[in-house]
Amino acid sequence: MNQHDLFGELVSKIIDPIVGLKVQMPTPCRKCHCIIACTAEGQWLNVPLLCTSCGIERGRLSYETFKFIRRVVETFGRPTEPIKLKKTDLSKQFPHDAGAAEAISANRAEGAQ
C-alpha cells in the first residue's frame, strides 16, 4: 500500500462536521416545492445541497458560506434548526454610480483634444 492509498483511506474516514446539516433555502424546490435541503459530502470545498424530499441537487455552498458555517459548527456545535440561507443582491452590497462610465468617457474625450 503506498502513501496515496493510505491518505485516501484516511480522508474517506473523516466526516466533515457540516455534512447532514439542514438548510432552509430561499426558494422552493422546482420538483417537489420543499424548502429544506441537506448538506451532502462533496469534493473538497464543493458542498452540494440536496432536497430533503426528492433528493435533487438544489445548489452548492459558496466558499465564504462554507467557511462561516464550519466555523460556527466548530465553535458552538451543530444547530438544532435549519440554517436559513438568503439570496444576496451584489448590486446592493457594492453600489456604484451609474454616471461613472459617462464621466470617464467625457474625461477621455477632453484629454484627446
PDB file of N, CA and C in Angstrom:
ATOM      1  N   MET A   1       0.847  -1.178   0.000  1.00  0.00           N
ATOM      2  CA  MET A   1       0.000   0.000   0.000  1.00  0.00           C
ATOM      3  C   MET A   1       0.891   1.240   0.000  1.00  0.00           C
ATOM      4  N   ASN A   2       0.653   2.167  -0.929  1.00  0.00           N
ATOM      5  CA  ASN A   2       1.500   3.359  -0.985  1.00  0.00           C
ATOM      6  C   ASN A   2       0.869   4.508  -0.188  1.00  0.00           C
ATOM      7  N   GLN A   3       1.601   5.635  -0.130  1.00  0.00           N
ATOM      8  CA  GLN A   3       1.158   6.789   0.645  1.00  0.00           C
ATOM      9  C   GLN A   3      -0.181   7.322   0.157  1.00  0.00           C
ATOM     10  N   HIS A   4      -0.383   7.390  -1.152  1.00  0.00           N
ATOM     11  CA  HIS A   4      -1.614   7.919  -1.720  1.00  0.00           C
ATOM     12  C   HIS A   4      -2.823   7.089  -1.279  1.00  0.00           C
ATOM     13  N   ASP A   5      -2.672   5.762  -1.272  1.00  0.00           N
ATOM     14  CA  ASP A   5      -3.760   4.889  -0.832  1.00  0.00           C
ATOM     15  C   ASP A   5      -4.086   5.108   0.644  1.00  0.00           C
ATOM     16  N   LEU A   6      -3.037   5.266   1.475  1.00  0.00           N
ATOM     17  CA  LEU A   6      -3.256   5.494   2.898  1.00  0.00           C
ATOM     18  C   LEU A   6      -3.955   6.836   3.131  1.00  0.00           C
ATOM     19  N   PHE A   7      -3.521   7.854   2.398  1.00  0.00           N
ATOM     20  CA  PHE A   7      -4.125   9.179   2.534  1.00  0.00           C
ATOM     21  C   PHE A   7      -5.591   9.138   2.111  1.00  0.00           C
ATOM     22  N   GLY A   8      -5.889   8.503   0.989  1.00  0.00           N
ATOM     23  CA  GLY A   8      -7.265   8.383   0.504  1.00  0.00           C
ATOM     24  C   GLY A   8      -8.152   7.653   1.491  1.00  0.00           C
ATOM     25  N   GLU A   9      -7.616   6.598   2.104  1.00  0.00           N
ATOM     26  CA  GLU A   9      -8.376   5.830   3.090  1.00  0.00           C
ATOM     27  C   GLU A   9      -8.663   6.681   4.324  1.00  0.00           C
ATOM     28  N   LEU A  10      -7.664   7.438   4.768  1.00  0.00           N
ATOM     29  CA  LEU A  10      -7.839   8.306   5.929  1.00  0.00           C
ATOM     30  C   LEU A  10      -8.877   9.384   5.648  1.00  0.00           C
ATOM     31  N   VAL A  11      -8.778  10.024   4.490  1.00  0.00           N
ATOM     32  CA  VAL A  11      -9.720  11.082   4.128  1.00  0.00           C
ATOM     33  C   VAL A  11     -11.134  10.537   4.043  1.00  0.00           C
ATOM     34  N   SER A  12     -11.300   9.338   3.515  1.00  0.00           N
ATOM     35  CA  SER A  12     -12.640   8.764   3.383  1.00  0.00           C
ATOM     36  C   SER A  12     -13.280   8.473   4.742  1.00  0.00           C
ATOM     37  N   LYS A  13     -12.457   8.322   5.794  1.00  0.00           N
ATOM     38  CA  LYS A  13     -12.991   8.039   7.123  1.00  0.00           C
ATOM     39  C   LYS A  13     -13.320   9.305   7.904  1.00  0.00           C
ATOM     40  N   ILE A  14     -12.830  10.444   7.438  1.00  0.00           N
ATOM     41  CA  ILE A  14     -13.101  11.715   8.109  1.00  0.00           C
ATOM     42  C   ILE A  14     -14.428  12.248   7.601  1.00  0.00           C
ATOM     43  N   ILE A  15     -15.343  12.525   8.509  1.00  0.00           N
ATOM     44  CA  ILE A  15     -16.637  13.077   8.124  1.00  0.00           C
ATOM     45  C   ILE A  15     -16.626  14.567   8.422  1.00  0.00           C
ATOM     46  N   ASP A  16     -16.955  15.359   7.430  1.00  0.00           N
ATOM     47  CA  ASP A  16     -16.998  16.803   7.585  1.00  0.00           C
ATOM     48  C   ASP A  16     -18.088  17.169   8.588  1.00  0.00           C
ATOM     49  N   PRO A  17     -17.815  18.080   9.516  1.00  0.00           N
ATOM     50  CA  PRO A  17     -18.812  18.419  10.534  1.00  0.00           C
ATOM     51  C   PRO A  17     -20.068  19.089   9.980  1.00  0.00           C
ATOM     52  N   ILE A  18     -20.027  19.591   8.763  1.00  0.00           N
ATOM     53  CA  ILE A  18     -21.236  20.237   8.242  1.00  0.00           C
ATOM     54  C   ILE A  18     -22.078  19.310   7.367  1.00  0.00           C
ATOM     55  N   VAL A  19     -21.587  18.098   7.096  1.00  0.00           N
ATOM     56  CA  VAL A  19     -22.368  17.153   6.296  1.00  0.00           C
ATOM     57  C   VAL A  19     -23.609  16.745   7.079  1.00  0.00           C
ATOM     58  N   GLY A  20     -24.762  16.817   6.442  1.00  0.00           N
ATOM     59  CA  GLY A  20     -26.016  16.436   7.069  1.00  0.00           C
ATOM     60  C   GLY A  20     -26.782  17.575   7.712  1.00  0.00           C
ATOM     61  N   LEU A  21     -26.213  18.797   7.692  1.00  0.00           N
ATOM     62  CA  LEU A  21     -26.937  19.937   8.263  1.00  0.00           C
ATOM     63  C   LEU A  21     -28.132  20.294   7.391  1.00  0.00           C
ATOM     64  N   LYS A  22     -29.230  20.659   8.020  1.00  0.00           N
ATOM     65  CA  LYS A  22     -30.413  21.074   7.277  1.00  0.00           C
ATOM     66  C   LYS A  22     -30.335  22.574   7.006  1.00  0.00           C
ATOM     67  N   VAL A  23     -30.750  22.939   5.795  1.00  0.00           N
ATOM     68  CA  VAL A  23     -30.672  24.325   5.348  1.00  0.00           C
ATOM     69  C   VAL A  23     -32.025  24.716   4.774  1.00  0.00           C
ATOM     70  N   GLN A  24     -32.535  25.869   5.207  1.00  0.00           N
ATOM     71  CA  GLN A  24     -33.774  26.386   4.627  1.00  0.00           C
ATOM     72  C   GLN A  24     -33.389  27.244   3.436  1.00  0.00           C
ATOM     73  N   MET A  25     -33.838  26.833   2.259  1.00  0.00           N
ATOM     74  CA  MET A  25     -33.477  27.512   1.022  1.00  0.00           C
ATOM     75  C   MET A  25     -34.349  28.751   0.810  1.00  0.00           C
ATOM     76  N   PRO A  26     -33.829  29.749   0.073  1.00  0.00           N
ATOM     77  CA  PRO A  26     -34.616  30.960  -0.171  1.00  0.00           C
ATOM     78  C   PRO A  26     -35.781  30.747  -1.144  1.00  0.00           C
ATOM     79  N   THR A  27     -35.715  29.689  -1.935  1.00  0.00           N
ATOM     80  CA  THR A  27     -36.794  29.381  -2.882  1.00  0.00           C
ATOM     81  C   THR A  27     -37.149  27.904  -2.769  1.00  0.00           C
ATOM     82  N   PRO A  28     -38.398  27.538  -3.078  1.00  0.00           N
ATOM     83  CA  PRO A  28     -38.782  26.124  -3.001  1.00  0.00           C
ATOM     84  C   PRO A  28     -38.179  25.304  -4.136  1.00  0.00           C
ATOM     85  N   CYS A  29     -38.092  24.006  -3.913  1.00  0.00           N
ATOM     86  CA  CYS A  29     -37.595  23.062  -4.915  1.00  0.00           C
ATOM     87  C   CYS A  29     -38.515  23.102  -6.136  1.00  0.00           C
ATOM     88  N   ARG A  30     -37.928  23.086  -7.323  1.00  0.00           N
ATOM     89  CA  ARG A  30     -38.738  23.159  -8.545  1.00  0.00           C
ATOM     90  C   ARG A  30     -39.483  21.852  -8.814  1.00  0.00           C
ATOM     91  N   LYS A  31     -39.047  20.775  -8.160  1.00  0.00           N
ATOM     92  CA  LYS A  31     -39.679  19.480  -8.390  1.00  0.00           C
ATOM     93  C   LYS A  31     -40.788  19.184  -7.371  1.00  0.00           C
ATOM     94  N   CYS A  32     -40.490  19.362  -6.071  1.00  0.00           N
ATOM     95  CA  CYS A  32     -41.460  18.974  -5.037  1.00  0.00           C
ATOM     96  C   CYS A  32     -41.926  20.148  -4.165  1.00  0.00           C
ATOM     97  N   HIS A  33     -41.347  21.319  -4.367  1.00  0.00           N
ATOM     98  CA  HIS A  33     -41.703  22.551  -3.652  1.00  0.00           C
ATOM     99  C   HIS A  33     -41.306  22.558  -2.180  1.00  0.00           C
ATOM    100  N   CYS A  34     -40.416  21.680  -1.784  1.00  0.00           N
ATOM    101  CA  CYS A  34     -39.888  21.647  -0.415  1.00  0.00           C
ATOM    102  C   CYS A  34     -38.866  22.781  -0.264  1.00  0.00           C
ATOM    103  N   ILE A  35     -38.776  23.389   0.916  1.00  0.00           N
ATOM    104  CA  ILE A  35     -37.799  24.469   1.108  1.00  0.00           C
ATOM    105  C   ILE A  35     -36.597  24.039   1.941  1.00  0.00           C
ATOM    106  N   ILE A  36     -36.565  22.804   2.398  1.00  0.00           N
ATOM    107  CA  ILE A  36     -35.458  22.321   3.233  1.00  0.00           C
ATOM    108  C   ILE A  36     -34.524  21.441   2.400  1.00  0.00           C
ATOM    109  N   ALA A  37     -33.232  21.737   2.498  1.00  0.00           N
ATOM    110  CA  ALA A  37     -32.204  20.937   1.841  1.00  0.00           C
ATOM    111  C   ALA A  37     -31.222  20.464   2.911  1.00  0.00           C
ATOM    112  N   CYS A  38     -30.395  19.525   2.538  1.00  0.00           N
ATOM    113  CA  CYS A  38     -29.434  18.934   3.457  1.00  0.00           C
ATOM    114  C   CYS A  38     -28.049  19.002   2.810  1.00  0.00           C
ATOM    115  N   THR A  39     -27.032  19.370   3.593  1.00  0.00           N
ATOM    116  CA  THR A  39     -25.677  19.399   3.042  1.00  0.00           C
ATOM    117  C   THR A  39     -25.198  17.968   2.850  1.00  0.00           C
ATOM    118  N   ALA A  40     -24.562  17.726   1.721  1.00  0.00           N
ATOM    119  CA  ALA A  40     -24.059  16.390   1.412  1.00  0.00           C
ATOM    120  C   ALA A  40     -22.541  16.439   1.307  1.00  0.00           C
ATOM    121  N   GLU A  41     -21.931  15.279   1.289  1.00  0.00           N
ATOM    122  CA  GLU A  41     -20.482  15.208   1.151  1.00  0.00           C
ATOM    123  C   GLU A  41     -20.108  15.551  -0.283  1.00  0.00           C
ATOM    124  N   GLY A  42     -19.167  16.471  -0.430  1.00  0.00           N
ATOM    125  CA  GLY A  42     -18.719  16.880  -1.753  1.00  0.00           C
ATOM    126  C   GLY A  42     -17.223  16.699  -1.901  1.00  0.00           C
ATOM    127  N   GLN A  43     -16.697  17.152  -3.004  1.00  0.00           N
ATOM    128  CA  GLN A  43     -15.263  17.098  -3.247  1.00  0.00           C
ATOM    129  C   GLN A  43     -14.614  18.353  -2.676  1.00  0.00           C
ATOM    130  N   TRP A  44     -13.742  18.200  -1.709  1.00  0.00           N
ATOM    131  CA  TRP A  44     -13.028  19.282  -1.040  1.00  0.00           C
ATOM    132  C   TRP A  44     -14.002  20.313  -0.506  1.00  0.00           C
ATOM    133  N   LEU A  45     -14.017  21.515  -1.077  1.00  0.00           N
ATOM    134  CA  LEU A  45     -14.862  22.589  -0.561  1.00  0.00           C
ATOM    135  C   LEU A  45     -16.145  22.745  -1.363  1.00  0.00           C
ATOM    136  N   ASN A  46     -16.449  21.815  -2.219  1.00  0.00           N
ATOM    137  CA  ASN A  46     -17.616  21.883  -3.077  1.00  0.00           C
ATOM    138  C   ASN A  46     -18.757  21.115  -2.405  1.00  0.00           C
ATOM    139  N   VAL A  47     -19.580  21.813  -1.603  1.00  0.00           N
ATOM    140  CA  VAL A  47     -20.600  21.158  -0.794  1.00  0.00           C
ATOM    141  C   VAL A  47     -21.972  21.292  -1.462  1.00  0.00           C
ATOM    142  N   PRO A  48     -22.528  20.176  -1.949  1.00  0.00           N
ATOM    143  CA  PRO A  48     -23.851  20.239  -2.573  1.00  0.00           C
ATOM    144  C   PRO A  48     -24.970  20.284  -1.529  1.00  0.00           C
ATOM    145  N   LEU A  49     -26.084  20.901  -1.911  1.00  0.00           N
ATOM    146  CA  LEU A  49     -27.283  20.942  -1.090  1.00  0.00           C
ATOM    147  C   LEU A  49     -28.342  20.091  -1.777  1.00  0.00           C
ATOM    148  N   LEU A  50     -28.818  19.065  -1.103  1.00  0.00           N
ATOM    149  CA  LEU A  50     -29.800  18.145  -1.681  1.00  0.00           C
ATOM    150  C   LEU A  50     -31.153  18.340  -1.011  1.00  0.00           C
ATOM    151  N   CYS A  51     -32.209  18.366  -1.810  1.00  0.00           N
ATOM    152  CA  CYS A  51     -33.572  18.491  -1.295  1.00  0.00           C
ATOM    153  C   CYS A  51     -33.861  17.309  -0.374  1.00  0.00           C
ATOM    154  N   THR A  52     -34.443  17.582   0.793  1.00  0.00           N
ATOM    155  CA  THR A  52     -34.723  16.502   1.742  1.00  0.00           C
ATOM    156  C   THR A  52     -35.899  15.635   1.303  1.00  0.00           C
ATOM    157  N   SER A  53     -36.762  16.150   0.424  1.00  0.00           N
ATOM    158  CA  SER A  53     -37.924  15.370  -0.021  1.00  0.00           C
ATOM    159  C   SER A  53     -37.631  14.505  -1.239  1.00  0.00           C
ATOM    160  N   CYS A  54     -37.056  15.120  -2.283  1.00  0.00           N
ATOM    161  CA  CYS A  54     -36.885  14.371  -3.534  1.00  0.00           C
ATOM    162  C   CYS A  54     -35.431  14.056  -3.879  1.00  0.00           C
ATOM    163  N   GLY A  55     -34.455  14.652  -3.166  1.00  0.00           N
ATOM    164  CA  GLY A  55     -33.050  14.341  -3.383  1.00  0.00           C
ATOM    165  C   GLY A  55     -32.374  15.092  -4.513  1.00  0.00           C
ATOM    166  N   ILE A  56     -33.088  15.977  -5.206  1.00  0.00           N
ATOM    167  CA  ILE A  56     -32.489  16.729  -6.300  1.00  0.00           C
ATOM    168  C   ILE A  56     -31.485  17.745  -5.744  1.00  0.00           C
ATOM    169  N   GLU A  57     -30.410  17.991  -6.473  1.00  0.00           N
ATOM    170  CA  GLU A  57     -29.429  18.977  -6.022  1.00  0.00           C
ATOM    171  C   GLU A  57     -30.017  20.376  -6.173  1.00  0.00           C
ATOM    172  N   ARG A  58     -29.987  21.140  -5.083  1.00  0.00           N
ATOM    173  CA  ARG A  58     -30.567  22.474  -5.059  1.00  0.00           C
ATOM    174  C   ARG A  58     -29.537  23.565  -5.254  1.00  0.00           C
ATOM    175  N   GLY A  59     -28.273  23.230  -5.253  1.00  0.00           N
ATOM    176  CA  GLY A  59     -27.217  24.219  -5.397  1.00  0.00           C
ATOM    177  C   GLY A  59     -26.004  23.789  -4.598  1.00  0.00           C
ATOM    178  N   ARG A  60     -25.083  24.715  -4.454  1.00  0.00           N
ATOM    179  CA  ARG A  60     -23.864  24.451  -3.690  1.00  0.00           C
ATOM    180  C   ARG A  60     -23.535  25.653  -2.826  1.00  0.00           C
ATOM    181  N   LEU A  61     -22.887  25.385  -1.701  1.00  0.00           N
ATOM    182  CA  LEU A  61     -22.494  26.477  -0.817  1.00  0.00           C
ATOM    183  C   LEU A  61     -21.302  27.216  -1.393  1.00  0.00           C
ATOM    184  N   SER A  62     -21.312  28.540  -1.284  1.00  0.00           N
ATOM    185  CA  SER A  62     -20.141  29.315  -1.687  1.00  0.00           C
ATOM    186  C   SER A  62     -19.026  29.052  -0.680  1.00  0.00           C
ATOM    187  N   TYR A  63     -17.802  29.354  -1.052  1.00  0.00           N
ATOM    188  CA  TYR A  63     -16.661  29.123  -0.174  1.00  0.00           C
ATOM    189  C   TYR A  63     -16.805  29.928   1.116  1.00  0.00           C
ATOM    190  N   GLU A  64     -17.261  31.189   0.999  1.00  0.00           N
ATOM    191  CA  GLU A  64     -17.419  32.052   2.170  1.00  0.00           C
ATOM    192  C   GLU A  64     -18.477  31.479   3.117  1.00  0.00           C
ATOM    193  N   THR A  65     -19.597  31.022   2.564  1.00  0.00           N
ATOM    194  CA  THR A  65     -20.665  30.447   3.380  1.00  0.00           C
ATOM    195  C   THR A  65     -20.188  29.154   4.037  1.00  0.00           C
ATOM    196  N   PHE A  66     -19.487  28.330   3.283  1.00  0.00           N
ATOM    197  CA  PHE A  66     -18.932  27.082   3.798  1.00  0.00           C
ATOM    198  C   PHE A  66     -18.021  27.353   4.998  1.00  0.00           C
ATOM    199  N   LYS A  67     -17.094  28.305   4.852  1.00  0.00           N
ATOM    200  CA  LYS A  67     -16.166  28.637   5.943  1.00  0.00           C
ATOM    201  C   LYS A  67     -16.912  29.141   7.166  1.00  0.00           C
ATOM    202  N   PHE A  68     -17.907  30.008   6.941  1.00  0.00           N
ATOM    203  CA  PHE A  68     -18.662  30.566   8.052  1.00  0.00           C
ATOM    204  C   PHE A  68     -19.412  29.477   8.813  1.00  0.00           C
ATOM    205  N   ILE A  69     -20.130  28.629   8.090  1.00  0.00           N
ATOM    206  CA  ILE A  69     -20.911  27.569   8.736  1.00  0.00           C
ATOM    207  C   ILE A  69     -19.998  26.603   9.484  1.00  0.00           C
ATOM    208  N   ARG A  70     -18.884  26.249   8.872  1.00  0.00           N
ATOM    209  CA  ARG A  70     -17.949  25.334   9.538  1.00  0.00           C
ATOM    210  C   ARG A  70     -17.415  25.956  10.828  1.00  0.00           C
ATOM    211  N   ARG A  71     -17.063  27.233  10.795  1.00  0.00           N
ATOM    212  CA  ARG A  71     -16.551  27.917  11.980  1.00  0.00           C
ATOM    213  C   ARG A  71     -17.614  27.942  13.088  1.00  0.00           C
ATOM    214  N   VAL A  72     -18.859  28.224  12.715  1.00  0.00           N
ATOM    215  CA  VAL A  72     -19.951  28.250  13.695  1.00  0.00           C
ATOM    216  C   VAL A  72     -20.152  26.867  14.306  1.00  0.00           C
ATOM    217  N   VAL A  73     -20.157  25.817  13.485  1.00  0.00           N
ATOM    218  CA  VAL A  73     -20.343  24.451  13.979  1.00  0.00           C
ATOM    219  C   VAL A  73     -19.192  24.049  14.897  1.00  0.00           C
ATOM    220  N   GLU A  74     -17.973  24.395  14.536  1.00  0.00           N
ATOM    221  CA  GLU A  74     -16.825  24.042  15.372  1.00  0.00           C
ATOM    222  C   GLU A  74     -16.850  24.800  16.699  1.00  0.00           C
ATOM    223  N   THR A  75     -17.376  26.032  16.696  1.00  0.00           N
ATOM    224  CA  THR A  75     -17.400  26.850  17.901  1.00  0.00           C
ATOM    225  C   THR A  75     -18.580  26.520  18.808  1.00  0.00           C
ATOM    226  N   PHE A  76     -19.782  26.422  18.219  1.00  0.00           N
ATOM    227  CA  PHE A  76     -20.999  26.271  19.018  1.00  0.00           C
ATOM    228  C   PHE A  76     -21.657  24.906  18.915  1.00  0.00           C
ATOM    229  N   GLY A  77     -21.197  24.056  18.017  1.00  0.00           N
ATOM    230  CA  GLY A  77     -21.831  22.759  17.802  1.00  0.00           C
ATOM    231  C   GLY A  77     -22.859  22.835  16.681  1.00  0.00           C
ATOM    232  N   ARG A  78     -23.432  21.685  16.357  1.00  0.00           N
ATOM    233  CA  ARG A  78     -24.397  21.614  15.255  1.00  0.00           C
ATOM    234  C   ARG A  78     -25.708  22.283  15.651  1.00  0.00           C
ATOM    235  N   PRO A  79     -26.275  23.075  14.745  1.00  0.00           N
ATOM    236  CA  PRO A  79     -27.547  23.727  15.064  1.00  0.00           C
ATOM    237  C   PRO A  79     -28.688  22.714  15.141  1.00  0.00           C
ATOM    238  N   THR A  80     -29.718  23.034  15.938  1.00  0.00           N
ATOM    239  CA  THR A  80     -30.858  22.141  16.099  1.00  0.00           C
ATOM    240  C   THR A  80     -31.975  22.453  15.108  1.00  0.00           C
ATOM    241  N   GLU A  81     -31.914  23.622  14.486  1.00  0.00           N
ATOM    242  CA  GLU A  81     -32.906  24.023  13.488  1.00  0.00           C
ATOM    243  C   GLU A  81     -32.201  24.271  12.163  1.00  0.00           C
ATOM    244  N   PRO A  82     -32.953  24.261  11.051  1.00  0.00           N
ATOM    245  CA  PRO A  82     -32.322  24.520   9.750  1.00  0.00           C
ATOM    246  C   PRO A  82     -31.691  25.914   9.682  1.00  0.00           C
ATOM    247  N   ILE A  83     -30.560  25.979   9.021  1.00  0.00           N
ATOM    248  CA  ILE A  83     -29.879  27.244   8.767  1.00  0.00           C
ATOM    249  C   ILE A  83     -30.645  27.945   7.650  1.00  0.00           C
ATOM    250  N   LYS A  84     -30.932  29.223   7.818  1.00  0.00           N
ATOM    251  CA  LYS A  84     -31.686  29.961   6.803  1.00  0.00           C
ATOM    252  C   LYS A  84     -30.721  30.650   5.847  1.00  0.00           C
ATOM    253  N   LEU A  85     -30.758  30.226   4.596  1.00  0.00           N
ATOM    254  CA  LEU A  85     -29.955  30.875   3.563  1.00  0.00           C
ATOM    255  C   LEU A  85     -30.792  31.964   2.907  1.00  0.00           C
ATOM    256  N   LYS A  86     -30.150  33.062   2.566  1.00  0.00           N
ATOM    257  CA  LYS A  86     -30.839  34.153   1.890  1.00  0.00           C
ATOM    258  C   LYS A  86     -30.135  34.450   0.581  1.00  0.00           C
ATOM    259  N   LYS A  87     -30.898  34.894  -0.392  1.00  0.00           N
ATOM    260  CA  LYS A  87     -30.296  35.335  -1.650  1.00  0.00           C
ATOM    261  C   LYS A  87     -29.602  36.655  -1.390  1.00  0.00           C
ATOM    262  N   THR A  88     -28.479  36.868  -2.046  1.00  0.00           N
ATOM    263  CA  THR A  88     -27.798  38.152  -1.922  1.00  0.00           C
ATOM    264  C   THR A  88     -27.873  38.875  -3.249  1.00  0.00           C
ATOM    265  N   ASP A  89     -28.008  40.159  -3.153  1.00  0.00           N
ATOM    266  CA  ASP A  89     -28.027  41.005  -4.335  1.00  0.00           C
ATOM    267  C   ASP A  89     -26.742  41.828  -4.300  1.00  0.00           C
ATOM    268  N   LEU A  90     -25.765  41.443  -5.103  1.00  0.00           N
ATOM    269  CA  LEU A  90     -24.458  42.101  -5.064  1.00  0.00           C
ATOM    270  C   LEU A  90     -24.538  43.567  -5.442  1.00  0.00           C
ATOM    271  N   SER A  91     -25.537  43.969  -6.231  1.00  0.00           N
ATOM    272  CA  SER A  91     -25.649  45.373  -6.601  1.00  0.00           C
ATOM    273  C   SER A  91     -25.988  46.234  -5.383  1.00  0.00           C
ATOM    274  N   LYS A  92     -26.659  45.644  -4.363  1.00  0.00           N
ATOM    275  CA  LYS A  92     -26.953  46.383  -3.139  1.00  0.00           C
ATOM    276  C   LYS A  92     -25.736  46.398  -2.213  1.00  0.00           C
ATOM    277  N   GLN A  93     -24.942  45.340  -2.262  1.00  0.00           N
ATOM    278  CA  GLN A  93     -23.763  45.279  -1.408  1.00  0.00           C
ATOM    279  C   GLN A  93     -22.646  46.176  -1.930  1.00  0.00           C
ATOM    280  N   PHE A  94     -22.543  46.294  -3.239  1.00  0.00           N
ATOM    281  CA  PHE A  94     -21.489  47.085  -3.854  1.00  0.00           C
ATOM    282  C   PHE A  94     -22.106  48.108  -4.802  1.00  0.00           C
ATOM    283  N   PRO A  95     -22.771  49.149  -4.254  1.00  0.00           N
ATOM    284  CA  PRO A  95     -23.408  50.123  -5.136  1.00  0.00           C
ATOM    285  C   PRO A  95     -22.361  50.917  -5.919  1.00  0.00           C
ATOM    286  N   HIS A  96     -22.721  51.301  -7.108  1.00  0.00           N
ATOM    287  CA  HIS A  96     -21.831  52.121  -7.913  1.00  0.00           C
ATOM    288  C   HIS A  96     -22.645  53.217  -8.579  1.00  0.00           C
ATOM    289  N   ASP A  97     -21.978  54.289  -8.900  1.00  0.00           N
ATOM    290  CA  ASP A  97     -22.636  55.420  -9.540  1.00  0.00           C
ATOM    291  C   ASP A  97     -22.872  55.092 -11.005  1.00  0.00           C
ATOM    292  N   ALA A  98     -24.126  55.166 -11.428  1.00  0.00           N
ATOM    293  CA  ALA A  98     -24.460  54.830 -12.813  1.00  0.00           C
ATOM    294  C   ALA A  98     -23.821  55.803 -13.792  1.00  0.00           C
ATOM    295  N   GLY A  99     -23.517  57.024 -13.343  1.00  0.00           N
ATOM    296  CA  GLY A  99     -22.931  58.022 -14.233  1.00  0.00           C
ATOM    297  C   GLY A  99     -21.419  57.962 -14.295  1.00  0.00           C
ATOM    298  N   ALA A 100     -20.804  57.039 -13.588  1.00  0.00           N
ATOM    299  CA  ALA A 100     -19.341  56.970 -13.549  1.00  0.00           C
ATOM    300  C   ALA A 100     -18.768  56.682 -14.926  1.00  0.00           C
ATOM    301  N   ALA A 101     -19.382  55.812 -15.697  1.00  0.00           N
ATOM    302  CA  ALA A 101     -18.874  55.480 -17.031  1.00  0.00           C
ATOM    303  C   ALA A 101     -18.944  56.694 -17.951  1.00  0.00           C
ATOM    304  N   GLU A 102     -20.009  57.474 -17.811  1.00  0.00           N
ATOM    305  CA  GLU A 102     -20.133  58.679 -18.635  1.00  0.00           C
ATOM    306  C   GLU A 102     -19.058  59.699 -18.280  1.00  0.00           C
ATOM    307  N   ALA A 103     -18.768  59.851 -16.978  1.00  0.00           N
ATOM    308  CA  ALA A 103     -17.751  60.791 -16.557  1.00  0.00           C
ATOM    309  C   ALA A 103     -16.379  60.383 -17.059  1.00  0.00           C
ATOM    310  N   ILE A 104     -16.087  59.098 -17.034  1.00  0.00           N
ATOM    311  CA  ILE A 104     -14.790  58.610 -17.508  1.00  0.00           C
ATOM    312  C   ILE A 104     -14.651  58.852 -19.008  1.00  0.00           C
ATOM    313  N   SER A 105     -15.692  58.548 -19.766  1.00  0.00           N
ATOM    314  CA  SER A 105     -15.616  58.740 -21.224  1.00  0.00           C
ATOM    315  C   SER A 105     -15.531  60.225 -21.570  1.00  0.00           C
ATOM    316  N   ALA A 106     -16.174  61.092 -20.772  1.00  0.00           N
ATOM    317  CA  ALA A 106     -16.079  62.530 -21.012  1.00  0.00           C
ATOM    318  C   ALA A 106     -14.669  63.028 -20.731  1.00  0.00           C
ATOM    319  N   ASN A 107     -14.047  62.526 -19.680  1.00  0.00           N
ATOM    320  CA  ASN A 107     -12.674  62.917 -19.361  1.00  0.00           C
ATOM    321  C   ASN A 107     -11.711  62.445 -20.445  1.00  0.00           C
ATOM    322  N   ARG A 108     -11.932  61.266 -20.971  1.00  0.00           N
ATOM    323  CA  ARG A 108     -11.078  60.750 -22.056  1.00  0.00           C
ATOM    324  C   ARG A 108     -11.230  61.603 -23.314  1.00  0.00           C
ATOM    325  N   ALA A 109     -12.454  62.002 -23.592  1.00  0.00           N
ATOM    326  CA  ALA A 109     -12.715  62.819 -24.780  1.00  0.00           C
ATOM    327  C   ALA A 109     -12.031  64.177 -24.634  1.00  0.00           C
ATOM    328  N   GLU A 110     -12.042  64.771 -23.430  1.00  0.00           N
ATOM    329  CA  GLU A 110     -11.379  66.056 -23.210  1.00  0.00           C
ATOM    330  C   GLU A 110      -9.867  65.922 -23.340  1.00  0.00           C
ATOM    331  N   GLY A 111      -9.343  64.798 -22.864  1.00  0.00           N
ATOM    332  CA  GLY A 111      -7.897  64.569 -22.919  1.00  0.00           C
ATOM    333  C   GLY A 111      -7.413  64.331 -24.329  1.00  0.00           C
ATOM    334  N   ALA A 112      -8.260  63.836 -25.210  1.00  0.00           N
ATOM    335  CA  ALA A 112      -7.886  63.544 -26.590  1.00  0.00           C
ATOM    336  C   ALA A 112      -7.810  64.804 -27.426  1.00  0.00           C
ATOM    337  N   GLN A 113      -8.451  65.896 -26.993  1.00  0.00           N
ATOM    338  CA  GLN A 113      -8.480  67.127 -27.793  1.00  0.00           C
ATOM    339  C   GLN A 113      -7.249  67.951 -27.627  1.00  0.00           C
TER     340      GLN A 113
END
